[in-house]
Amino acid sequence: AKPPNAPPTATQLLEDRNRAVALRVFEEIFNQCRPEIA
């Protein structure tokens, strides 16, 4: 049921990529003041 060091599934990889895209709004556009990368 719980294999050690199981590789991430395709869904997990997609969710991680989507999270990284969303976090760019806060870190780059606002905190780094770079609205030009929208």
All heavy atoms as atom14 arrays in JSON, in Angstrom:
{
  "sequence": "AKPPNAPPTATQLLEDRNRAVALRVFEEIFNQCRPEIA",
  "atom14_mask": [
    [1, 1, 1, 1, 1, 0, 0, 0, 0, 0, 0, 0, 0, 0],
    [1, 1, 1, 1, 1, 1, 1, 1, 1, 0, 0, 0, 0, 0],
    [1, 1, 1, 1, 1, 1, 1, 0, 0, 0, 0, 0, 0, 0],
    [1, 1, 1, 1, 1, 1, 1, 0, 0, 0, 0, 0, 0, 0],
    [1, 1, 1, 1, 1, 1, 1, 1, 0, 0, 0, 0, 0, 0],
    [1, 1, 1, 1, 1, 0, 0, 0, 0, 0, 0, 0, 0, 0],
    [1, 1, 1, 1, 1, 1, 1, 0, 0, 0, 0, 0, 0, 0],
    [1, 1, 1, 1, 1, 1, 1, 0, 0, 0, 0, 0, 0, 0],
    [1, 1, 1, 1, 1, 1, 1, 0, 0, 0, 0, 0, 0, 0],
    [1, 1, 1, 1, 1, 0, 0, 0, 0, 0, 0, 0, 0, 0],
    [1, 1, 1, 1, 1, 1, 1, 0, 0, 0, 0, 0, 0, 0],
    [1, 1, 1, 1, 1, 1, 1, 1, 1, 0, 0, 0, 0, 0],
    [1, 1, 1, 1, 1, 1, 1, 1, 0, 0, 0, 0, 0, 0],
    [1, 1, 1, 1, 1, 1, 1, 1, 0, 0, 0, 0, 0, 0],
    [1, 1, 1, 1, 1, 1, 1, 1, 1, 0, 0, 0, 0, 0],
    [1, 1, 1, 1, 1, 1, 1, 1, 0, 0, 0, 0, 0, 0],
    [1, 1, 1, 1, 1, 1, 1, 1, 1, 1, 1, 0, 0, 0],
    [1, 1, 1, 1, 1, 1, 1, 1, 0, 0, 0, 0, 0, 0],
    [1, 1, 1, 1, 1, 1, 1, 1, 1, 1, 1, 0, 0, 0],
    [1, 1, 1, 1, 1, 0, 0, 0, 0, 0, 0, 0, 0, 0],
    [1, 1, 1, 1, 1, 1, 1, 0, 0, 0, 0, 0, 0, 0],
    [1, 1, 1, 1, 1, 0, 0, 0, 0, 0, 0, 0, 0, 0],
    [1, 1, 1, 1, 1, 1, 1, 1, 0, 0, 0, 0, 0, 0],
    [1, 1, 1, 1, 1, 1, 1, 1, 1, 1, 1, 0, 0, 0],
    [1, 1, 1, 1, 1, 1, 1, 0, 0, 0, 0, 0, 0, 0],
    [1, 1, 1, 1, 1, 1, 1, 1, 1, 1, 1, 0, 0, 0],
    [1, 1, 1, 1, 1, 1, 1, 1, 1, 0, 0, 0, 0, 0],
    [1, 1, 1, 1, 1, 1, 1, 1, 1, 0, 0, 0, 0, 0],
    [1, 1, 1, 1, 1, 1, 1, 1, 0, 0, 0, 0, 0, 0],
    [1, 1, 1, 1, 1, 1, 1, 1, 1, 1, 1, 0, 0, 0],
    [1, 1, 1, 1, 1, 1, 1, 1, 0, 0, 0, 0, 0, 0],
    [1, 1, 1, 1, 1, 1, 1, 1, 1, 0, 0, 0, 0, 0],
    [1, 1, 1, 1, 1, 1, 0, 0, 0, 0, 0, 0, 0, 0],
    [1, 1, 1, 1, 1, 1, 1, 1, 1, 1, 1, 0, 0, 0],
    [1, 1, 1, 1, 1, 1, 1, 0, 0, 0, 0, 0, 0, 0],
    [1, 1, 1, 1, 1, 1, 1, 1, 1, 0, 0, 0, 0, 0],
    [1, 1, 1, 1, 1, 1, 1, 1, 0, 0, 0, 0, 0, 0],
    [1, 1, 1, 1, 1, 0, 0, 0, 0, 0, 0, 0, 0, 0]
  ],
  "atom14_positions": [
    [[0.82, -1.2, 0.0], [0.0, 0.0, 0.0], [0.86, 1.25, 0.0], [0.49, 2.27, -0.57], [-0.93, -0.01, 1.21], [0.0, 0.0, 0.0], [0.0, 0.0, 0.0], [0.0, 0.0, 0.0], [0.0, 0.0, 0.0], [0.0, 0.0, 0.0], [0.0, 0.0, 0.0], [0.0, 0.0, 0.0], [0.0, 0.0, 0.0], [0.0, 0.0, 0.0]],
    [[2.0, 1.23, 0.67], [2.86, 2.39, 0.77], [4.28, 2.04, 0.33], [5.16, 1.81, 1.16], [2.88, 2.93, 2.2], [1.52, 3.44, 2.67], [1.62, 3.98, 4.08], [0.27, 4.5, 4.56], [0.34, 5.02, 5.95], [0.0, 0.0, 0.0], [0.0, 0.0, 0.0], [0.0, 0.0, 0.0], [0.0, 0.0, 0.0], [0.0, 0.0, 0.0]],
    [[4.51, 1.93, -0.93], [5.86, 1.6, -1.39], [6.82, 2.73, -1.07], [6.49, 3.91, -1.23], [5.68, 1.43, -2.91], [4.46, 2.22, -3.23], [3.58, 2.13, -2.04], [0.0, 0.0, 0.0], [0.0, 0.0, 0.0], [0.0, 0.0, 0.0], [0.0, 0.0, 0.0], [0.0, 0.0, 0.0], [0.0, 0.0, 0.0], [0.0, 0.0, 0.0]],
    [[8.01, 2.4, -0.58], [8.97, 3.46, -0.23], [9.5, 4.16, -1.47], [9.74, 3.54, -2.5], [10.08, 2.68, 0.49], [9.98, 1.29, -0.06], [8.53, 1.05, -0.33], [0.0, 0.0, 0.0], [0.0, 0.0, 0.0], [0.0, 0.0, 0.0], [0.0, 0.0, 0.0], [0.0, 0.0, 0.0], [0.0, 0.0, 0.0], [0.0, 0.0, 0.0]],
    [[9.63, 5.52, -1.32], [10.21, 6.34, -2.4], [9.46, 6.16, -3.72], [10.06, 6.02, -4.79], [11.68, 6.0, -2.6], [12.5, 6.24, -1.34], [12.24, 7.19, -0.6], [13.47, 5.36, -1.1], [0.0, 0.0, 0.0], [0.0, 0.0, 0.0], [0.0, 0.0, 0.0], [0.0, 0.0, 0.0], [0.0, 0.0, 0.0], [0.0, 0.0, 0.0]],
    [[8.11, 6.16, -3.63], [7.31, 6.02, -4.84], [7.43, 7.28, -5.7], [7.39, 8.4, -5.18], [5.84, 5.79, -4.48], [0.0, 0.0, 0.0], [0.0, 0.0, 0.0], [0.0, 0.0, 0.0], [0.0, 0.0, 0.0], [0.0, 0.0, 0.0], [0.0, 0.0, 0.0], [0.0, 0.0, 0.0], [0.0, 0.0, 0.0], [0.0, 0.0, 0.0]],
    [[7.62, 7.15, -7.0], [7.74, 8.33, -7.86], [6.41, 9.08, -7.92], [5.34, 8.48, -7.79], [8.1, 7.73, -9.22], [7.57, 6.33, -9.17], [7.71, 5.89, -7.75], [0.0, 0.0, 0.0], [0.0, 0.0, 0.0], [0.0, 0.0, 0.0], [0.0, 0.0, 0.0], [0.0, 0.0, 0.0], [0.0, 0.0, 0.0], [0.0, 0.0, 0.0]],
    [[6.42, 10.42, -8.07], [5.17, 11.19, -8.14], [4.37, 10.81, -9.37], [4.92, 10.51, -10.43], [5.65, 12.64, -8.2], [7.05, 12.56, -8.72], [7.6, 11.27, -8.19], [0.0, 0.0, 0.0], [0.0, 0.0, 0.0], [0.0, 0.0, 0.0], [0.0, 0.0, 0.0], [0.0, 0.0, 0.0], [0.0, 0.0, 0.0], [0.0, 0.0, 0.0]],
    [[3.07, 10.86, -9.22], [2.18, 10.55, -10.33], [2.12, 11.73, -11.29], [2.57, 12.84, -10.98], [0.78, 10.22, -9.82], [0.23, 11.39, -9.18], [0.82, 9.07, -8.81], [0.0, 0.0, 0.0], [0.0, 0.0, 0.0], [0.0, 0.0, 0.0], [0.0, 0.0, 0.0], [0.0, 0.0, 0.0], [0.0, 0.0, 0.0], [0.0, 0.0, 0.0]],
    [[1.5, 11.49, -12.44], [1.35, 12.56, -13.43], [0.5, 13.69, -12.87], [0.75, 14.87, -13.13], [0.74, 12.0, -14.71], [0.0, 0.0, 0.0], [0.0, 0.0, 0.0], [0.0, 0.0, 0.0], [0.0, 0.0, 0.0], [0.0, 0.0, 0.0], [0.0, 0.0, 0.0], [0.0, 0.0, 0.0], [0.0, 0.0, 0.0], [0.0, 0.0, 0.0]],
    [[-0.53, 13.34, -12.08], [-1.39, 14.36, -11.47], [-0.61, 15.22, -10.49], [-0.76, 16.45, -10.46], [-2.58, 13.7, -10.76], [-3.34, 12.92, -11.71], [-3.49, 14.74, -10.14], [0.0, 0.0, 0.0], [0.0, 0.0, 0.0], [0.0, 0.0, 0.0], [0.0, 0.0, 0.0], [0.0, 0.0, 0.0], [0.0, 0.0, 0.0], [0.0, 0.0, 0.0]],
    [[0.23, 14.58, -9.68], [1.03, 15.34, -8.72], [2.0, 16.29, -9.42], [2.19, 17.43, -9.0], [1.8, 14.38, -7.82], [0.91, 13.6, -6.85], [1.7, 12.55, -6.08], [2.72, 12.04, -6.56], [1.21, 12.19, -4.9], [0.0, 0.0, 0.0], [0.0, 0.0, 0.0], [0.0, 0.0, 0.0], [0.0, 0.0, 0.0], [0.0, 0.0, 0.0]],
    [[2.61, 15.82, -10.49], [3.52, 16.68, -11.25], [2.79, 17.87, -11.85], [3.3, 19.0, -11.83], [4.21, 15.87, -12.35], [5.2, 14.79, -11.88], [5.68, 13.96, -13.07], [6.39, 15.45, -11.17], [0.0, 0.0, 0.0], [0.0, 0.0, 0.0], [0.0, 0.0, 0.0], [0.0, 0.0, 0.0], [0.0, 0.0, 0.0], [0.0, 0.0, 0.0]],
    [[1.59, 17.64, -12.38], [0.81, 18.72, -12.97], [0.42, 19.74, -11.89], [0.5, 20.95, -12.11], [-0.45, 18.15, -13.64], [-1.42, 19.19, -14.23], [-0.73, 19.98, -15.33], [-2.67, 18.5, -14.75], [0.0, 0.0, 0.0], [0.0, 0.0, 0.0], [0.0, 0.0, 0.0], [0.0, 0.0, 0.0], [0.0, 0.0, 0.0], [0.0, 0.0, 0.0]],
    [[0.0, 19.26, -10.73], [-0.39, 20.16, -9.65], [0.79, 20.98, -9.16], [0.64, 22.17, -8.85], [-1.02, 19.37, -8.51], [-2.37, 18.77, -8.86], [-2.96, 17.94, -7.72], [-2.21, 17.64, -6.76], [-4.15, 17.6, -7.79], [0.0, 0.0, 0.0], [0.0, 0.0, 0.0], [0.0, 0.0, 0.0], [0.0, 0.0, 0.0], [0.0, 0.0, 0.0]],
    [[1.96, 20.38, -9.11], [3.16, 21.12, -8.69], [3.49, 22.22, -9.7], [3.87, 23.34, -9.32], [4.36, 20.17, -8.55], [4.22, 19.27, -7.34], [3.4, 19.57, -6.45], [4.94, 18.23, -7.3], [0.0, 0.0, 0.0], [0.0, 0.0, 0.0], [0.0, 0.0, 0.0], [0.0, 0.0, 0.0], [0.0, 0.0, 0.0], [0.0, 0.0, 0.0]],
    [[3.36, 21.93, -10.99], [3.63, 22.95, -12.01], [2.61, 24.08, -11.93], [2.97, 25.26, -12.04], [3.62, 22.31, -13.41], [4.84, 21.45, -13.71], [4.96, 21.17, -15.19], [3.84, 20.39, -15.69], [3.83, 19.06, -15.77], [4.9, 18.37, -15.38], [2.79, 18.41, -16.24], [0.0, 0.0, 0.0], [0.0, 0.0, 0.0], [0.0, 0.0, 0.0]],
    [[1.35, 23.73, -11.72], [0.31, 24.75, -11.61], [0.53, 25.64, -10.38], [0.34, 26.85, -10.44], [-1.07, 24.09, -11.53], [-1.47, 23.43, -12.83], [-0.89, 23.7, -13.89], [-2.46, 22.55, -12.78], [0.0, 0.0, 0.0], [0.0, 0.0, 0.0], [0.0, 0.0, 0.0], [0.0, 0.0, 0.0], [0.0, 0.0, 0.0], [0.0, 0.0, 0.0]],
    [[0.96, 25.03, -9.27], [1.24, 25.81, -8.07], [2.38, 26.79, -8.32], [2.33, 27.95, -7.9], [1.6, 24.89, -6.9], [1.89, 25.65, -5.6], [2.46, 24.77, -4.52], [1.49, 23.79, -4.06], [1.55, 22.48, -4.31], [2.55, 22.0, -5.06], [0.65, 21.66, -3.84], [0.0, 0.0, 0.0], [0.0, 0.0, 0.0], [0.0, 0.0, 0.0]],
    [[3.41, 26.34, -9.02], [4.55, 27.22, -9.31], [4.13, 28.41, -10.17], [4.61, 29.53, -9.96], [5.65, 26.42, -10.0], [0.0, 0.0, 0.0], [0.0, 0.0, 0.0], [0.0, 0.0, 0.0], [0.0, 0.0, 0.0], [0.0, 0.0, 0.0], [0.0, 0.0, 0.0], [0.0, 0.0, 0.0], [0.0, 0.0, 0.0], [0.0, 0.0, 0.0]],
    [[3.23, 28.18, -11.12], [2.74, 29.27, -11.97], [1.98, 30.28, -11.12], [2.17, 31.5, -11.24], [1.84, 28.72, -13.09], [1.15, 29.86, -13.84], [2.66, 27.88, -14.06], [0.0, 0.0, 0.0], [0.0, 0.0, 0.0], [0.0, 0.0, 0.0], [0.0, 0.0, 0.0], [0.0, 0.0, 0.0], [0.0, 0.0, 0.0], [0.0, 0.0, 0.0]],
    [[1.08, 29.81, -10.26], [0.28, 30.71, -9.43], [1.14, 31.51, -8.46], [0.9, 32.7, -8.23], [-0.77, 29.91, -8.67], [0.0, 0.0, 0.0], [0.0, 0.0, 0.0], [0.0, 0.0, 0.0], [0.0, 0.0, 0.0], [0.0, 0.0, 0.0], [0.0, 0.0, 0.0], [0.0, 0.0, 0.0], [0.0, 0.0, 0.0], [0.0, 0.0, 0.0]],
    [[2.17, 30.9, -7.91], [3.03, 31.59, -6.94], [3.82, 32.72, -7.59], [4.24, 33.67, -6.91], [3.97, 30.6, -6.27], [3.33, 29.64, -5.28], [4.34, 28.63, -4.77], [2.69, 30.39, -4.11], [0.0, 0.0, 0.0], [0.0, 0.0, 0.0], [0.0, 0.0, 0.0], [0.0, 0.0, 0.0], [0.0, 0.0, 0.0], [0.0, 0.0, 0.0]],
    [[4.04, 32.65, -8.91], [4.76, 33.72, -9.6], [4.02, 35.05, -9.51], [4.64, 36.12, -9.52], [4.99, 33.35, -11.06], [5.95, 32.2, -11.29], [6.22, 32.01, -12.77], [6.95, 33.15, -13.33], [7.19, 33.3, -14.64], [6.74, 32.41, -15.49], [7.87, 34.35, -15.07], [0.0, 0.0, 0.0], [0.0, 0.0, 0.0], [0.0, 0.0, 0.0]],
    [[2.69, 34.99, -9.43], [1.9, 36.22, -9.32], [2.32, 37.0, -8.08], [2.54, 38.22, -8.13], [0.4, 35.89, -9.27], [-0.42, 37.15, -9.02], [-0.04, 35.21, -10.56], [0.0, 0.0, 0.0], [0.0, 0.0, 0.0], [0.0, 0.0, 0.0], [0.0, 0.0, 0.0], [0.0, 0.0, 0.0], [0.0, 0.0, 0.0], [0.0, 0.0, 0.0]],
    [[2.45, 36.31, -6.96], [2.75, 36.99, -5.7], [4.23, 37.33, -5.57], [4.58, 38.42, -5.13], [2.31, 36.09, -4.54], [0.85, 35.78, -4.56], [0.37, 34.64, -5.19], [-0.06, 36.63, -3.96], [-0.98, 34.36, -5.23], [-1.42, 36.37, -3.99], [-1.89, 35.22, -4.63], [0.0, 0.0, 0.0], [0.0, 0.0, 0.0], [0.0, 0.0, 0.0]],
    [[5.09, 36.4, -5.95], [6.52, 36.6, -5.74], [7.13, 37.54, -6.77], [7.94, 38.41, -6.41], [7.26, 35.26, -5.76], [8.75, 35.36, -5.48], [9.05, 36.03, -4.16], [8.27, 35.84, -3.19], [10.06, 36.75, -4.07], [0.0, 0.0, 0.0], [0.0, 0.0, 0.0], [0.0, 0.0, 0.0], [0.0, 0.0, 0.0], [0.0, 0.0, 0.0]],
    [[6.75, 37.41, -8.03], [7.4, 38.18, -9.08], [6.65, 39.46, -9.43], [7.25, 40.54, -9.46], [7.59, 37.31, -10.33], [8.49, 36.1, -10.07], [8.72, 35.27, -11.32], [8.82, 35.87, -12.41], [8.79, 34.03, -11.22], [0.0, 0.0, 0.0], [0.0, 0.0, 0.0], [0.0, 0.0, 0.0], [0.0, 0.0, 0.0], [0.0, 0.0, 0.0]],
    [[5.34, 39.37, -9.69], [4.6, 40.57, -10.07], [4.52, 41.56, -8.92], [4.77, 42.76, -9.1], [3.19, 40.2, -10.57], [3.28, 39.45, -11.91], [2.32, 41.45, -10.72], [1.95, 39.07, -12.5], [0.0, 0.0, 0.0], [0.0, 0.0, 0.0], [0.0, 0.0, 0.0], [0.0, 0.0, 0.0], [0.0, 0.0, 0.0], [0.0, 0.0, 0.0]],
    [[4.19, 41.08, -7.7], [4.01, 41.99, -6.57], [5.29, 42.21, -5.77], [5.76, 43.33, -5.63], [2.89, 41.48, -5.66], [1.52, 41.66, -6.24], [0.83, 40.59, -6.79], [0.92, 42.91, -6.26], [-0.43, 40.76, -7.33], [-0.34, 43.1, -6.8], [-1.02, 42.03, -7.34], [0.0, 0.0, 0.0], [0.0, 0.0, 0.0], [0.0, 0.0, 0.0]],
    [[5.88, 41.15, -5.24], [7.03, 41.33, -4.35], [8.27, 41.83, -5.07], [9.07, 42.57, -4.5], [7.34, 40.02, -3.62], [6.24, 39.65, -2.63], [5.39, 40.47, -2.29], [6.25, 38.41, -2.18], [0.0, 0.0, 0.0], [0.0, 0.0, 0.0], [0.0, 0.0, 0.0], [0.0, 0.0, 0.0], [0.0, 0.0, 0.0], [0.0, 0.0, 0.0]],
    [[8.45, 41.42, -6.33], [9.59, 41.91, -7.11], [9.22, 43.11, -7.99], [10.08, 43.62, -8.72], [10.16, 40.79, -7.97], [10.71, 39.62, -7.17], [11.26, 38.51, -8.07], [11.52, 38.7, -9.26], [11.43, 37.32, -7.5], [0.0, 0.0, 0.0], [0.0, 0.0, 0.0], [0.0, 0.0, 0.0], [0.0, 0.0, 0.0], [0.0, 0.0, 0.0]],
    [[7.94, 43.5, -7.92], [7.45, 44.67, -8.67], [7.77, 44.53, -10.17], [8.41, 45.41, -10.76], [8.04, 45.95, -8.1], [7.2, 47.45, -8.65], [0.0, 0.0, 0.0], [0.0, 0.0, 0.0], [0.0, 0.0, 0.0], [0.0, 0.0, 0.0], [0.0, 0.0, 0.0], [0.0, 0.0, 0.0], [0.0, 0.0, 0.0], [0.0, 0.0, 0.0]],
    [[7.31, 43.43, -10.77], [7.58, 43.17, -12.18], [6.27, 42.87, -12.92], [6.02, 41.76, -13.37], [8.54, 42.01, -12.33], [9.92, 42.25, -11.72], [10.75, 40.97, -11.74], [10.92, 40.47, -13.11], [11.29, 39.22, -13.4], [11.51, 38.35, -12.41], [11.44, 38.84, -14.65], [0.0, 0.0, 0.0], [0.0, 0.0, 0.0], [0.0, 0.0, 0.0]],
    [[5.38, 43.86, -13.05], [4.11, 43.62, -13.74], [4.27, 43.31, -15.21], [3.35, 42.77, -15.84], [3.33, 44.92, -13.52], [4.4, 45.96, -13.32], [5.51, 45.25, -12.6], [0.0, 0.0, 0.0], [0.0, 0.0, 0.0], [0.0, 0.0, 0.0], [0.0, 0.0, 0.0], [0.0, 0.0, 0.0], [0.0, 0.0, 0.0], [0.0, 0.0, 0.0]],
    [[5.44, 43.61, -15.78], [5.64, 43.38, -17.21], [5.68, 41.91, -17.59], [5.55, 41.56, -18.77], [6.92, 44.07, -17.68], [8.22, 43.46, -17.13], [8.59, 43.94, -15.75], [7.82, 44.73, -15.17], [9.64, 43.53, -15.24], [0.0, 0.0, 0.0], [0.0, 0.0, 0.0], [0.0, 0.0, 0.0], [0.0, 0.0, 0.0], [0.0, 0.0, 0.0]],
    [[5.86, 41.01, -16.6], [5.93, 39.58, -16.92], [4.56, 38.92, -16.89], [4.46, 37.7, -17.01], [6.88, 38.84, -15.97], [6.3, 38.81, -14.55], [8.26, 39.46, -15.97], [7.03, 37.87, -13.62], [0.0, 0.0, 0.0], [0.0, 0.0, 0.0], [0.0, 0.0, 0.0], [0.0, 0.0, 0.0], [0.0, 0.0, 0.0], [0.0, 0.0, 0.0]],
    [[3.5, 39.71, -16.74], [2.16, 39.14, -16.67], [1.83, 38.31, -17.92], [1.13, 37.3, -17.84], [1.12, 40.24, -16.48], [0.0, 0.0, 0.0], [0.0, 0.0, 0.0], [0.0, 0.0, 0.0], [0.0, 0.0, 0.0], [0.0, 0.0, 0.0], [0.0, 0.0, 0.0], [0.0, 0.0, 0.0], [0.0, 0.0, 0.0], [0.0, 0.0, 0.0]]
  ]
}
